[in-house]
Structure formats: C-alpha cells, structure tokens
C-alpha cells in the first residue's frame, strides 16, 4: 500500500518552479527567432500547434514561454504530479492522460 500525501506534490512543484527560475536566470543563452508565426509568445502566432521536445529541454519552455496559453500533456502517474504542479506555477495549463 502506497501512502500519498496530497500536499507533497504541490510543495514539490513550487520548489521545482522556483529552482528552474533561479537556475535559468544564471544562464547566458540566446534565442534564434526565425518565424514569429510559430512562437506562442509572439503576437503573430497562428495556432493551434503541437510542440514536441525531450525531457531535458523542459526548463527552457518553462522559463521562456509561461503564460502563453500553452497546455502540457502529462501522464497520470504520481511522479508527473510534480511536473503538473510546477507547470501550473510557471503559467501552463495541464492535460493529464
């Protein structure tokens, strides 16, 4: 029997979002914008669209594209609950499935 405490993912998600924000502020990176119509942060975005990326690239959209009317598709597993909570703190909607 697994014991699940409901507030643990919420606190963990907050910690993850704060960690990503703090870490990304220390990085020196450049963004190459070739077409404004495919970037949801730009006014010329022509959606809807589906964006795919590997797990190791999650911090970049978390930091750069929050609050842009983007939804993340996440599994229903308990460990995905941490990412779901972190993504809500970063300004994303989540779809569980």
PDB file of N, CA and C in Angstrom:
ATOM      1  N   UNK A   1       0.839  -1.177   0.000  1.00  0.00           N
ATOM      2  CA  UNK A   1       0.000   0.000   0.000  1.00  0.00           C
ATOM      3  C   UNK A   1       0.886   1.243   0.000  1.00  0.00           C
ATOM      4  N   UNK A   2       0.612   2.120  -0.929  1.00  0.00           N
ATOM      5  CA  UNK A   2       1.381   3.352  -1.013  1.00  0.00           C
ATOM      6  C   UNK A   2       0.643   4.461  -0.288  1.00  0.00           C
ATOM      7  N   UNK A   3       1.367   5.189   0.520  1.00  0.00           N
ATOM      8  CA  UNK A   3       0.787   6.324   1.229  1.00  0.00           C
ATOM      9  C   UNK A   3       1.122   7.577   0.432  1.00  0.00           C
ATOM     10  N   UNK A   4       0.097   8.308   0.048  1.00  0.00           N
ATOM     11  CA  UNK A   4       0.280   9.515  -0.753  1.00  0.00           C
ATOM     12  C   UNK A   4      -0.244  10.708   0.033  1.00  0.00           C
ATOM     13  N   UNK A   5       0.610  11.661   0.262  1.00  0.00           N
ATOM     14  CA  UNK A   5       0.222  12.877   0.969  1.00  0.00           C
ATOM     15  C   UNK A   5      -0.062  13.942  -0.090  1.00  0.00           C
ATOM     16  N   UNK A   6      -1.301  14.476  -0.152  1.00  0.00           N
ATOM     17  CA  UNK A   6      -1.687  15.340  -1.265  1.00  0.00           C
ATOM     18  C   UNK A   6      -0.906  16.651  -1.376  1.00  0.00           C
ATOM     19  N   UNK A   7      -0.369  17.174  -0.296  1.00  0.00           N
ATOM     20  CA  UNK A   7       0.311  18.460  -0.383  1.00  0.00           C
ATOM     21  C   UNK A   7       1.770  18.324  -0.818  1.00  0.00           C
ATOM     22  N   UNK A   8       2.317  17.125  -0.796  1.00  0.00           N
ATOM     23  CA  UNK A   8       3.723  16.924  -1.187  1.00  0.00           C
ATOM     24  C   UNK A   8       3.967  17.346  -2.645  1.00  0.00           C
ATOM     25  N   UNK A   9       3.155  16.914  -3.630  1.00  0.00           N
ATOM     26  CA  UNK A   9       3.409  17.372  -5.000  1.00  0.00           C
ATOM     27  C   UNK A   9       3.245  18.878  -5.172  1.00  0.00           C
ATOM     28  N   UNK A  10       2.340  19.494  -4.415  1.00  0.00           N
ATOM     29  CA  UNK A  10       2.152  20.942  -4.526  1.00  0.00           C
ATOM     30  C   UNK A  10       3.395  21.688  -4.045  1.00  0.00           C
ATOM     31  N   UNK A  11       3.927  21.283  -2.921  1.00  0.00           N
ATOM     32  CA  UNK A  11       5.147  21.908  -2.396  1.00  0.00           C
ATOM     33  C   UNK A  11       6.333  21.571  -3.291  1.00  0.00           C
ATOM     34  N   UNK A  12       6.397  20.319  -3.740  1.00  0.00           N
ATOM     35  CA  UNK A  12       7.470  19.914  -4.646  1.00  0.00           C
ATOM     36  C   UNK A  12       7.415  20.672  -5.960  1.00  0.00           C
ATOM     37  N   UNK A  13       6.213  20.884  -6.496  1.00  0.00           N
ATOM     38  CA  UNK A  13       6.056  21.655  -7.731  1.00  0.00           C
ATOM     39  C   UNK A  13       6.479  23.095  -7.555  1.00  0.00           C
ATOM     40  N   UNK A  14       6.144  23.685  -6.411  1.00  0.00           N
ATOM     41  CA  UNK A  14       6.585  25.052  -6.126  1.00  0.00           C
ATOM     42  C   UNK A  14       8.101  25.112  -6.040  1.00  0.00           C
ATOM     43  N   UNK A  15       8.698  24.142  -5.368  1.00  0.00           N
ATOM     44  CA  UNK A  15      10.161  24.104  -5.253  1.00  0.00           C
ATOM     45  C   UNK A  15      10.817  23.946  -6.624  1.00  0.00           C
ATOM     46  N   UNK A  16      10.263  23.079  -7.461  1.00  0.00           N
ATOM     47  CA  UNK A  16      10.815  22.882  -8.808  1.00  0.00           C
ATOM     48  C   UNK A  16      10.709  24.165  -9.620  1.00  0.00           C
ATOM     49  N   UNK A  17       9.566  24.845  -9.556  1.00  0.00           N
ATOM     50  CA  UNK A  17       9.403  26.079 -10.331  1.00  0.00           C
ATOM     51  C   UNK A  17      10.353  27.170  -9.846  1.00  0.00           C
ATOM     52  N   UNK A  18      10.536  27.285  -8.542  1.00  0.00           N
ATOM     53  CA  UNK A  18      11.480  28.281  -8.019  1.00  0.00           C
ATOM     54  C   UNK A  18      12.917  27.934  -8.394  1.00  0.00           C
ATOM     55  N   UNK A  19      13.250  26.658  -8.352  1.00  0.00           N
ATOM     56  CA  UNK A  19      14.589  26.218  -8.733  1.00  0.00           C
ATOM     57  C   UNK A  19      14.865  26.504 -10.206  1.00  0.00           C
ATOM     58  N   UNK A  20      13.908  26.205 -11.071  1.00  0.00           N
ATOM     59  CA  UNK A  20      14.100  26.453 -12.501  1.00  0.00           C
ATOM     60  C   UNK A  20      14.229  27.940 -12.778  1.00  0.00           C
ATOM     61  N   UNK A  21      13.391  28.759 -12.155  1.00  0.00           N
ATOM     62  CA  UNK A  21      13.503  30.215 -12.358  1.00  0.00           C
ATOM     63  C   UNK A  21      14.853  30.738 -11.894  1.00  0.00           C
ATOM     64  N   UNK A  22      15.302  30.291 -10.744  1.00  0.00           N
ATOM     65  CA  UNK A  22      16.596  30.747 -10.220  1.00  0.00           C
ATOM     66  C   UNK A  22      17.744  30.275 -11.096  1.00  0.00           C
ATOM     67  N   UNK A  23      17.703  29.029 -11.524  1.00  0.00           N
ATOM     68  CA  UNK A  23      18.777  28.473 -12.344  1.00  0.00           C
ATOM     69  C   UNK A  23      18.818  29.130 -13.718  1.00  0.00           C
ATOM     70  N   UNK A  24      17.658  29.311 -14.352  1.00  0.00           N
ATOM     71  CA  UNK A  24      17.628  29.882 -15.701  1.00  0.00           C
ATOM     72  C   UNK A  24      18.095  31.334 -15.710  1.00  0.00           C
ATOM     73  N   UNK A  25      17.921  32.052 -14.613  1.00  0.00           N
ATOM     74  CA  UNK A  25      18.405  33.438 -14.543  1.00  0.00           C
ATOM     75  C   UNK A  25      19.925  33.518 -14.558  1.00  0.00           C
ATOM     76  N   UNK A  26      20.594  32.428 -14.210  1.00  0.00           N
ATOM     77  CA  UNK A  26      22.056  32.442 -14.182  1.00  0.00           C
ATOM     78  C   UNK A  26      22.669  32.054 -15.522  1.00  0.00           C
ATOM     79  N   UNK A  27      21.864  31.547 -16.457  1.00  0.00           N
ATOM     80  CA  UNK A  27      22.394  31.077 -17.733  1.00  0.00           C
ATOM     81  C   UNK A  27      22.499  32.204 -18.748  1.00  0.00           C
ATOM     82  N   UNK A  28      23.481  32.100 -19.616  1.00  0.00           N
ATOM     83  CA  UNK A  28      23.622  33.016 -20.740  1.00  0.00           C
ATOM     84  C   UNK A  28      23.185  32.252 -21.986  1.00  0.00           C
ATOM     85  N   UNK A  29      22.039  32.590 -22.523  1.00  0.00           N
ATOM     86  CA  UNK A  29      21.524  31.888 -23.688  1.00  0.00           C
ATOM     87  C   UNK A  29      20.977  32.907 -24.678  1.00  0.00           C
ATOM     88  N   UNK A  30      20.866  32.471 -25.910  1.00  0.00           N
ATOM     89  CA  UNK A  30      20.308  33.301 -26.968  1.00  0.00           C
ATOM     90  C   UNK A  30      19.219  32.506 -27.672  1.00  0.00           C
ATOM     91  N   UNK A  31      18.183  33.213 -28.080  1.00  0.00           N
ATOM     92  CA  UNK A  31      17.076  32.575 -28.776  1.00  0.00           C
ATOM     93  C   UNK A  31      17.085  33.058 -30.220  1.00  0.00           C
ATOM     94  N   UNK A  32      17.077  32.140 -31.154  1.00  0.00           N
ATOM     95  CA  UNK A  32      17.003  32.476 -32.577  1.00  0.00           C
ATOM     96  C   UNK A  32      15.546  32.363 -33.011  1.00  0.00           C
ATOM     97  N   UNK A  33      14.953  33.480 -33.353  1.00  0.00           N
ATOM     98  CA  UNK A  33      13.549  33.510 -33.760  1.00  0.00           C
ATOM     99  C   UNK A  33      13.496  33.668 -35.277  1.00  0.00           C
ATOM    100  N   UNK A  34      13.166  32.591 -35.957  1.00  0.00           N
ATOM    101  CA  UNK A  34      13.145  32.606 -37.417  1.00  0.00           C
ATOM    102  C   UNK A  34      11.766  32.897 -37.987  1.00  0.00           C
ATOM    103  N   UNK A  35      10.722  32.533 -37.269  1.00  0.00           N
ATOM    104  CA  UNK A  35       9.361  32.714 -37.773  1.00  0.00           C
ATOM    105  C   UNK A  35       8.435  33.016 -36.601  1.00  0.00           C
ATOM    106  N   UNK A  36       7.941  34.248 -36.521  1.00  0.00           N
ATOM    107  CA  UNK A  36       7.089  34.660 -35.401  1.00  0.00           C
ATOM    108  C   UNK A  36       5.740  33.952 -35.389  1.00  0.00           C
ATOM    109  N   UNK A  37       5.341  33.383 -36.515  1.00  0.00           N
ATOM    110  CA  UNK A  37       4.021  32.747 -36.571  1.00  0.00           C
ATOM    111  C   UNK A  37       3.993  31.385 -35.892  1.00  0.00           C
ATOM    112  N   UNK A  38       5.146  30.843 -35.507  1.00  0.00           N
ATOM    113  CA  UNK A  38       5.177  29.545 -34.830  1.00  0.00           C
ATOM    114  C   UNK A  38       5.590  29.654 -33.363  1.00  0.00           C
ATOM    115  N   UNK A  39       5.764  30.863 -32.857  1.00  0.00           N
ATOM    116  CA  UNK A  39       6.155  31.070 -31.463  1.00  0.00           C
ATOM    117  C   UNK A  39       4.958  31.594 -30.679  1.00  0.00           C
ATOM    118  N   UNK A  40       4.434  30.835 -29.710  1.00  0.00           N
ATOM    119  CA  UNK A  40       3.236  31.263 -28.984  1.00  0.00           C
ATOM    120  C   UNK A  40       3.421  32.521 -28.147  1.00  0.00           C
ATOM    121  N   UNK A  41       4.640  32.964 -27.934  1.00  0.00           N
ATOM    122  CA  UNK A  41       4.864  34.184 -27.165  1.00  0.00           C
ATOM    123  C   UNK A  41       4.778  35.434 -28.036  1.00  0.00           C
ATOM    124  N   UNK A  42       4.751  35.268 -29.336  1.00  0.00           N
ATOM    125  CA  UNK A  42       4.731  36.401 -30.260  1.00  0.00           C
ATOM    126  C   UNK A  42       3.301  36.736 -30.683  1.00  0.00           C
ATOM    127  N   UNK A  43       3.028  38.028 -30.910  1.00  0.00           N
ATOM    128  CA  UNK A  43       1.671  38.420 -31.309  1.00  0.00           C
ATOM    129  C   UNK A  43       1.237  37.842 -32.658  1.00  0.00           C
ATOM    130  N   UNK A  44       2.181  37.503 -33.525  1.00  0.00           N
ATOM    131  CA  UNK A  44       1.833  36.966 -34.833  1.00  0.00           C
ATOM    132  C   UNK A  44       1.597  35.467 -34.853  1.00  0.00           C
ATOM    133  N   UNK A  45       1.532  34.840 -33.683  1.00  0.00           N
ATOM    134  CA  UNK A  45       1.364  33.381 -33.607  1.00  0.00           C
ATOM    135  C   UNK A  45       0.060  32.958 -34.262  1.00  0.00           C
ATOM    136  N   UNK A  46       0.157  31.945 -35.107  1.00  0.00           N
ATOM    137  CA  UNK A  46      -1.019  31.414 -35.784  1.00  0.00           C
ATOM    138  C   UNK A  46      -1.225  29.976 -35.339  1.00  0.00           C
ATOM    139  N   UNK A  47      -1.942  29.800 -34.236  1.00  0.00           N
ATOM    140  CA  UNK A  47      -2.164  28.468 -33.684  1.00  0.00           C
ATOM    141  C   UNK A  47      -3.484  27.917 -34.134  1.00  0.00           C
ATOM    142  N   UNK A  48      -3.866  26.779 -33.686  1.00  0.00           N
ATOM    143  CA  UNK A  48      -3.220  25.940 -32.685  1.00  0.00           C
ATOM    144  C   UNK A  48      -2.021  25.188 -33.255  1.00  0.00           C
ATOM    145  N   UNK A  49      -1.195  24.693 -32.357  1.00  0.00           N
ATOM    146  CA  UNK A  49       0.017  23.981 -32.755  1.00  0.00           C
ATOM    147  C   UNK A  49       0.368  22.953 -31.690  1.00  0.00           C
ATOM    148  N   UNK A  50       1.154  21.977 -32.074  1.00  0.00           N
ATOM    149  CA  UNK A  50       1.682  20.983 -31.141  1.00  0.00           C
ATOM    150  C   UNK A  50       3.197  21.092 -31.175  1.00  0.00           C
ATOM    151  N   UNK A  51       3.808  21.265 -29.999  1.00  0.00           N
ATOM    152  CA  UNK A  51       5.256  21.359 -29.885  1.00  0.00           C
ATOM    153  C   UNK A  51       5.760  20.131 -29.140  1.00  0.00           C
ATOM    154  N   UNK A  52       6.780  19.510 -29.645  1.00  0.00           N
ATOM    155  CA  UNK A  52       7.372  18.328 -29.028  1.00  0.00           C
ATOM    156  C   UNK A  52       8.801  18.638 -28.634  1.00  0.00           C
ATOM    157  N   UNK A  53       9.206  18.161 -27.451  1.00  0.00           N
ATOM    158  CA  UNK A  53      10.591  18.336 -27.023  1.00  0.00           C
ATOM    159  C   UNK A  53      10.939  17.243 -26.036  1.00  0.00           C
ATOM    160  N   UNK A  54      12.221  16.994 -25.888  1.00  0.00           N
ATOM    161  CA  UNK A  54      12.714  15.967 -24.975  1.00  0.00           C
ATOM    162  C   UNK A  54      12.668  16.480 -23.541  1.00  0.00           C
ATOM    163  N   UNK A  55      12.708  15.556 -22.594  1.00  0.00           N
ATOM    164  CA  UNK A  55      12.626  15.904 -21.176  1.00  0.00           C
ATOM    165  C   UNK A  55      13.697  16.889 -20.744  1.00  0.00           C
ATOM    166  N   UNK A  56      14.899  16.749 -21.283  1.00  0.00           N
ATOM    167  CA  UNK A  56      15.981  17.623 -20.820  1.00  0.00           C
ATOM    168  C   UNK A  56      15.787  19.077 -21.235  1.00  0.00           C
ATOM    169  N   UNK A  57      14.855  19.338 -22.152  1.00  0.00           N
ATOM    170  CA  UNK A  57      14.597  20.712 -22.590  1.00  0.00           C
ATOM    171  C   UNK A  57      13.411  21.349 -21.874  1.00  0.00           C
ATOM    172  N   UNK A  58      12.808  20.678 -20.921  1.00  0.00           N
ATOM    173  CA  UNK A  58      11.652  21.225 -20.208  1.00  0.00           C
ATOM    174  C   UNK A  58      11.946  22.577 -19.546  1.00  0.00           C
ATOM    175  N   UNK A  59      13.109  22.804 -18.937  1.00  0.00           N
ATOM    176  CA  UNK A  59      13.324  24.105 -18.294  1.00  0.00           C
ATOM    177  C   UNK A  59      13.217  25.306 -19.233  1.00  0.00           C
ATOM    178  N   UNK A  60      13.568  25.149 -20.498  1.00  0.00           N
ATOM    179  CA  UNK A  60      13.532  26.296 -21.403  1.00  0.00           C
ATOM    180  C   UNK A  60      12.116  26.783 -21.686  1.00  0.00           C
ATOM    181  N   UNK A  61      11.179  25.921 -22.104  1.00  0.00           N
ATOM    182  CA  UNK A  61       9.818  26.442 -22.267  1.00  0.00           C
ATOM    183  C   UNK A  61       9.189  26.861 -20.936  1.00  0.00           C
ATOM    184  N   UNK A  62       9.543  26.177 -19.845  1.00  0.00           N
ATOM    185  CA  UNK A  62       9.046  26.596 -18.533  1.00  0.00           C
ATOM    186  C   UNK A  62       9.393  28.055 -18.275  1.00  0.00           C
ATOM    187  N   UNK A  63      10.623  28.402 -18.518  1.00  0.00           N
ATOM    188  CA  UNK A  63      11.101  29.743 -18.190  1.00  0.00           C
ATOM    189  C   UNK A  63      10.713  30.775 -19.246  1.00  0.00           C
ATOM    190  N   UNK A  64      10.794  30.402 -20.513  1.00  0.00           N
ATOM    191  CA  UNK A  64      10.625  31.376 -21.589  1.00  0.00           C
ATOM    192  C   UNK A  64       9.193  31.526 -22.085  1.00  0.00           C
ATOM    193  N   UNK A  65       8.356  30.521 -21.920  1.00  0.00           N
ATOM    194  CA  UNK A  65       7.044  30.564 -22.555  1.00  0.00           C
ATOM    195  C   UNK A  65       5.877  30.355 -21.597  1.00  0.00           C
ATOM    196  N   UNK A  66       6.043  30.692 -20.345  1.00  0.00           N
ATOM    197  CA  UNK A  66       4.926  30.620 -19.413  1.00  0.00           C
ATOM    198  C   UNK A  66       3.897  31.699 -19.716  1.00  0.00           C
ATOM    199  N   UNK A  67       2.661  31.478 -19.348  1.00  0.00           N
ATOM    200  CA  UNK A  67       1.560  32.424 -19.540  1.00  0.00           C
ATOM    201  C   UNK A  67       1.358  32.778 -21.009  1.00  0.00           C
ATOM    202  N   UNK A  68       1.509  31.792 -21.893  1.00  0.00           N
ATOM    203  CA  UNK A  68       1.317  32.000 -23.338  1.00  0.00           C
ATOM    204  C   UNK A  68       0.185  31.139 -23.880  1.00  0.00           C
ATOM    205  N   UNK A  69      -0.747  30.744 -23.029  1.00  0.00           N
ATOM    206  CA  UNK A  69      -1.867  29.897 -23.438  1.00  0.00           C
ATOM    207  C   UNK A  69      -1.374  28.571 -24.013  1.00  0.00           C
ATOM    208  N   UNK A  70      -0.478  27.921 -23.285  1.00  0.00           N
ATOM    209  CA  UNK A  70       0.088  26.638 -23.685  1.00  0.00           C
ATOM    210  C   UNK A  70      -0.360  25.583 -22.679  1.00  0.00           C
ATOM    211  N   UNK A  71      -0.714  24.419 -23.184  1.00  0.00           N
ATOM    212  CA  UNK A  71      -1.076  23.286 -22.330  1.00  0.00           C
ATOM    213  C   UNK A  71      -0.046  22.180 -22.514  1.00  0.00           C
ATOM    214  N   UNK A  72       0.344  21.545 -21.410  1.00  0.00           N
ATOM    215  CA  UNK A  72       1.294  20.432 -21.452  1.00  0.00           C
ATOM    216  C   UNK A  72       0.538  19.131 -21.245  1.00  0.00           C
ATOM    217  N   UNK A  73       0.868  18.127 -22.046  1.00  0.00           N
ATOM    218  CA  UNK A  73       0.284  16.799 -21.904  1.00  0.00           C
ATOM    219  C   UNK A  73       1.180  15.973 -20.994  1.00  0.00           C
ATOM    220  N   UNK A  74       0.624  15.521 -19.872  1.00  0.00           N
ATOM    221  CA  UNK A  74       1.384  14.764 -18.877  1.00  0.00           C
ATOM    222  C   UNK A  74       0.665  13.462 -18.554  1.00  0.00           C
ATOM    223  N   UNK A  75       1.423  12.490 -18.109  1.00  0.00           N
ATOM    224  CA  UNK A  75       0.826  11.207 -17.734  1.00  0.00           C
ATOM    225  C   UNK A  75       0.038  11.355 -16.431  1.00  0.00           C
ATOM    226  N   UNK A  76      -0.699  10.315 -16.088  1.00  0.00           N
ATOM    227  CA  UNK A  76      -1.466  10.315 -14.842  1.00  0.00           C
ATOM    228  C   UNK A  76      -0.683   9.729 -13.679  1.00  0.00           C
ATOM    229  N   UNK A  77       0.563   9.398 -13.898  1.00  0.00           N
ATOM    230  CA  UNK A  77       1.383   8.822 -12.839  1.00  0.00           C
ATOM    231  C   UNK A  77       1.629   9.848 -11.735  1.00  0.00           C
ATOM    232  N   UNK A  78       1.883   9.335 -10.559  1.00  0.00           N
ATOM    233  CA  UNK A  78       2.092  10.198  -9.396  1.00  0.00           C
ATOM    234  C   UNK A  78       3.316  11.094  -9.570  1.00  0.00           C
ATOM    235  N   UNK A  79       4.383  10.583 -10.184  1.00  0.00           N
ATOM    236  CA  UNK A  79       5.581  11.408 -10.348  1.00  0.00           C
ATOM    237  C   UNK A  79       5.346  12.559 -11.325  1.00  0.00           C
ATOM    238  N   UNK A  80       4.403  12.424 -12.249  1.00  0.00           N
ATOM    239  CA  UNK A  80       4.079  13.526 -13.160  1.00  0.00           C
ATOM    240  C   UNK A  80       3.308  14.630 -12.442  1.00  0.00           C
ATOM    241  N   UNK A  81       2.788  14.328 -11.253  1.00  0.00           N
ATOM    242  CA  UNK A  81       2.071  15.344 -10.481  1.00  0.00           C
ATOM    243  C   UNK A  81       3.002  16.492 -10.085  1.00  0.00           C
ATOM    244  N   UNK A  82       4.267  16.195  -9.838  1.00  0.00           N
ATOM    245  CA  UNK A  82       5.238  17.241  -9.512  1.00  0.00           C
ATOM    246  C   UNK A  82       5.427  18.184 -10.702  1.00  0.00           C
ATOM    247  N   UNK A  83       5.550  17.615 -11.902  1.00  0.00           N
ATOM    248  CA  UNK A  83       5.703  18.438 -13.105  1.00  0.00           C
ATOM    249  C   UNK A  83       4.421  19.217 -13.375  1.00  0.00           C
ATOM    250  N   UNK A  84       3.264  18.594 -13.125  1.00  0.00           N
ATOM    251  CA  UNK A  84       1.983  19.279 -13.325  1.00  0.00           C
ATOM    252  C   UNK A  84       1.870  20.496 -12.415  1.00  0.00           C
ATOM    253  N   UNK A  85       2.222  20.328 -11.152  1.00  0.00           N
ATOM    254  CA  UNK A  85       2.159  21.459 -10.217  1.00  0.00           C
ATOM    255  C   UNK A  85       3.174  22.538 -10.593  1.00  0.00           C
ATOM    256  N   UNK A  86       4.388  22.133 -10.946  1.00  0.00           N
ATOM    257  CA  UNK A  86       5.405  23.108 -11.349  1.00  0.00           C
ATOM    258  C   UNK A  86       4.953  23.865 -12.588  1.00  0.00           C
ATOM    259  N   UNK A  87       4.351  23.170 -13.541  1.00  0.00           N
ATOM    260  CA  UNK A  87       3.910  23.840 -14.763  1.00  0.00           C
ATOM    261  C   UNK A  87       2.772  24.814 -14.476  1.00  0.00           C
ATOM    262  N   UNK A  88       1.920  24.504 -13.527  1.00  0.00           N
ATOM    263  CA  UNK A  88       0.863  25.450 -13.151  1.00  0.00           C
ATOM    264  C   UNK A  88       1.461  26.712 -12.530  1.00  0.00           C
ATOM    265  N   UNK A  89       2.481  26.543 -11.689  1.00  0.00           N
ATOM    266  CA  UNK A  89       3.147  27.707 -11.103  1.00  0.00           C
ATOM    267  C   UNK A  89       3.856  28.543 -12.168  1.00  0.00           C
ATOM    268  N   UNK A  90       4.311  27.892 -13.241  1.00  0.00           N
ATOM    269  CA  UNK A  90       5.034  28.599 -14.299  1.00  0.00           C
ATOM    270  C   UNK A  90       4.096  29.186 -15.355  1.00  0.00           C
ATOM    271  N   UNK A  91       2.803  28.945 -15.247  1.00  0.00           N
ATOM    272  CA  UNK A  91       1.839  29.565 -16.146  1.00  0.00           C
ATOM    273  C   UNK A  91       1.348  28.700 -17.286  1.00  0.00           C
ATOM    274  N   UNK A  92       1.408  27.388 -17.128  1.00  0.00           N
ATOM    275  CA  UNK A  92       0.940  26.473 -18.158  1.00  0.00           C
ATOM    276  C   UNK A  92      -0.332  25.777 -17.697  1.00  0.00           C
ATOM    277  N   UNK A  93      -1.159  25.421 -18.650  1.00  0.00           N
ATOM    278  CA  UNK A  93      -2.283  24.539 -18.366  1.00  0.00           C
ATOM    279  C   UNK A  93      -1.768  23.112 -18.496  1.00  0.00           C
ATOM    280  N   UNK A  94      -2.442  22.172 -17.867  1.00  0.00           N
ATOM    281  CA  UNK A  94      -2.020  20.778 -17.984  1.00  0.00           C
ATOM    282  C   UNK A  94      -3.185  19.914 -18.436  1.00  0.00           C
ATOM    283  N   UNK A  95      -2.842  18.916 -19.217  1.00  0.00           N
ATOM    284  CA  UNK A  95      -3.789  17.897 -19.656  1.00  0.00           C
ATOM    285  C   UNK A  95      -3.209  16.573 -19.204  1.00  0.00           C
ATOM    286  N   UNK A  96      -3.956  15.845 -18.408  1.00  0.00           N
ATOM    287  CA  UNK A  96      -3.465  14.564 -17.879  1.00  0.00           C
ATOM    288  C   UNK A  96      -4.095  13.437 -18.673  1.00  0.00           C
ATOM    289  N   UNK A  97      -3.274  12.511 -19.080  1.00  0.00           N
ATOM    290  CA  UNK A  97      -3.832  11.390 -19.833  1.00  0.00           C
ATOM    291  C   UNK A  97      -2.807  10.334 -20.124  1.00  0.00           C
TER     292      UNK A  97
END
